[in-house]
């Protein structure tokens, strides 16, 4: 049982903040620069199995779609494969970057376990 608990706690992201934060935007920008999820996980201290990059960047994409007045359902291919549409996403992000940063809060992190 302790082994299972340690596996799950090791995969838990370091981000404590559940709300939309500046880290979400940073991770999405890393995707748009062409970095892989594995590289981003390593750089930000997430485990290899963590889905934080996908989850956090998806949150940014949904907000951008809403700011553009676009339907999620019609744009799911762009959300699922953001690297294939990176030039389109970059243009949308540049257009709404100021609004996103006003919405975002400062991220809080879990204390590291010793």
Protein backbone atom coordinates (compact mmCIF):
# COMPACT_ATOMS: atom_id res chain seq x y z
CA UNK A 1 0.00 0.00 0.00
CA UNK A 2 2.83 2.43 0.84
CA UNK A 3 4.41 1.70 -2.56
CA UNK A 4 1.20 2.75 -4.30
CA UNK A 5 0.97 5.92 -2.23
CA UNK A 6 4.58 6.83 -3.00
CA UNK A 7 4.03 6.28 -6.73
CA UNK A 8 1.01 8.57 -6.74
CA UNK A 9 2.65 11.26 -4.64
CA UNK A 10 5.74 11.17 -6.87
CA UNK A 11 3.55 11.87 -9.91
CA UNK A 12 1.79 14.79 -8.23
CA UNK A 13 2.72 18.10 -9.87
CA UNK A 14 4.57 20.67 -7.79
CA UNK A 15 1.95 23.31 -8.58
CA UNK A 16 -0.41 23.93 -5.68
CA UNK A 17 -2.55 26.57 -7.39
CA UNK A 18 -5.62 25.10 -9.06
CA UNK A 19 -6.64 28.37 -10.65
CA UNK A 20 -5.28 29.78 -13.89
CA UNK A 21 -1.76 31.07 -13.26
CA UNK A 22 1.21 32.54 -15.10
CA UNK A 23 2.79 29.07 -15.11
CA UNK A 24 0.02 27.84 -17.40
CA UNK A 25 0.93 30.54 -19.91
CA UNK A 26 4.66 29.79 -19.57
CA UNK A 27 4.15 26.10 -20.27
CA UNK A 28 2.01 26.87 -23.31
CA UNK A 29 4.67 29.23 -24.64
CA UNK A 30 7.25 26.44 -24.26
CA UNK A 31 5.04 24.19 -26.42
CA UNK A 32 4.80 26.89 -29.06
CA UNK A 33 8.60 27.14 -29.12
CA UNK A 34 8.71 23.45 -30.11
CA UNK A 35 9.86 21.89 -26.85
CA UNK A 36 8.66 18.37 -26.12
CA UNK A 37 6.48 17.52 -23.13
CA UNK A 38 9.34 15.44 -21.71
CA UNK A 39 11.75 18.40 -21.93
CA UNK A 40 9.21 20.75 -20.36
CA UNK A 41 8.46 18.27 -17.55
CA UNK A 42 12.17 17.97 -16.81
CA UNK A 43 12.77 21.74 -16.89
CA UNK A 44 9.86 22.51 -14.55
CA UNK A 45 10.44 19.62 -12.13
CA UNK A 46 7.49 17.42 -13.06
CA UNK A 47 7.81 13.66 -13.32
CA UNK A 48 7.98 12.00 -16.74
CA UNK A 49 4.47 10.59 -16.26
CA UNK A 50 2.97 13.93 -15.25
CA UNK A 51 0.18 15.32 -17.42
CA UNK A 52 0.70 18.84 -16.12
CA UNK A 53 2.03 20.23 -19.39
CA UNK A 54 -0.95 18.91 -21.33
CA UNK A 55 -3.51 19.94 -18.71
CA UNK A 56 -2.08 23.41 -18.11
CA UNK A 57 -1.59 24.22 -21.78
CA UNK A 58 -5.09 22.99 -22.58
CA UNK A 59 -6.46 25.41 -20.00
CA UNK A 60 -4.69 28.28 -21.83
CA UNK A 61 -6.00 27.11 -25.20
CA UNK A 62 -9.58 26.96 -23.92
CA UNK A 63 -9.29 30.51 -22.58
CA UNK A 64 -7.86 31.71 -25.89
CA UNK A 65 -10.70 30.07 -27.80
CA UNK A 66 -13.19 31.81 -25.53
CA UNK A 67 -11.47 35.17 -26.02
CA UNK A 68 -11.63 34.62 -29.80
CA UNK A 69 -15.31 33.63 -29.57
CA UNK A 70 -14.58 30.20 -31.08
CA UNK A 71 -16.31 26.94 -30.19
CA UNK A 72 -14.25 24.24 -28.45
CA UNK A 73 -15.90 21.44 -30.41
CA UNK A 74 -15.01 23.01 -33.77
CA UNK A 75 -11.37 23.54 -32.75
CA UNK A 76 -10.53 20.33 -30.89
CA UNK A 77 -7.96 19.35 -33.53
CA UNK A 78 -6.06 22.55 -32.72
CA UNK A 79 -6.29 21.83 -28.99
CA UNK A 80 -5.26 18.19 -29.37
CA UNK A 81 -2.31 18.97 -31.66
CA UNK A 82 -1.11 22.46 -30.66
CA UNK A 83 2.33 21.96 -32.20
CA UNK A 84 0.80 21.41 -35.64
CA UNK A 85 -1.04 24.72 -35.30
CA UNK A 86 1.71 26.58 -33.43
CA UNK A 87 1.74 29.57 -35.80
CA UNK A 88 -2.03 30.00 -35.42
CA UNK A 89 -1.81 29.64 -31.62
CA UNK A 90 1.10 32.08 -31.46
CA UNK A 91 -0.93 34.69 -33.34
CA UNK A 92 -3.94 34.19 -31.03
CA UNK A 93 -1.70 34.26 -27.93
CA UNK A 94 -0.02 37.48 -29.05
CA UNK A 95 -3.43 39.05 -29.63
CA UNK A 96 -4.76 38.14 -26.16
CA UNK A 97 -1.56 37.96 -24.10
CA UNK A 98 -2.38 41.08 -22.07
CA UNK A 99 -5.88 39.82 -21.21
CA UNK A 100 -4.53 36.40 -20.21
CA UNK A 101 -1.91 37.92 -17.94
CA UNK A 102 -4.59 40.04 -16.24
CA UNK A 103 -6.61 36.85 -15.56
CA UNK A 104 -3.63 34.84 -14.33
CA UNK A 105 -2.57 34.70 -10.71
CA UNK A 106 0.87 34.09 -9.24
CA UNK A 107 1.42 30.32 -8.88
CA UNK A 108 1.95 28.66 -5.51
CA UNK A 109 3.91 25.44 -5.10
CA UNK A 110 3.91 22.47 -2.75
CA UNK A 111 6.73 22.36 -0.25
CA UNK A 112 9.34 19.77 -1.23
CA UNK A 113 9.42 16.63 0.90
CA UNK A 114 12.74 15.87 2.59
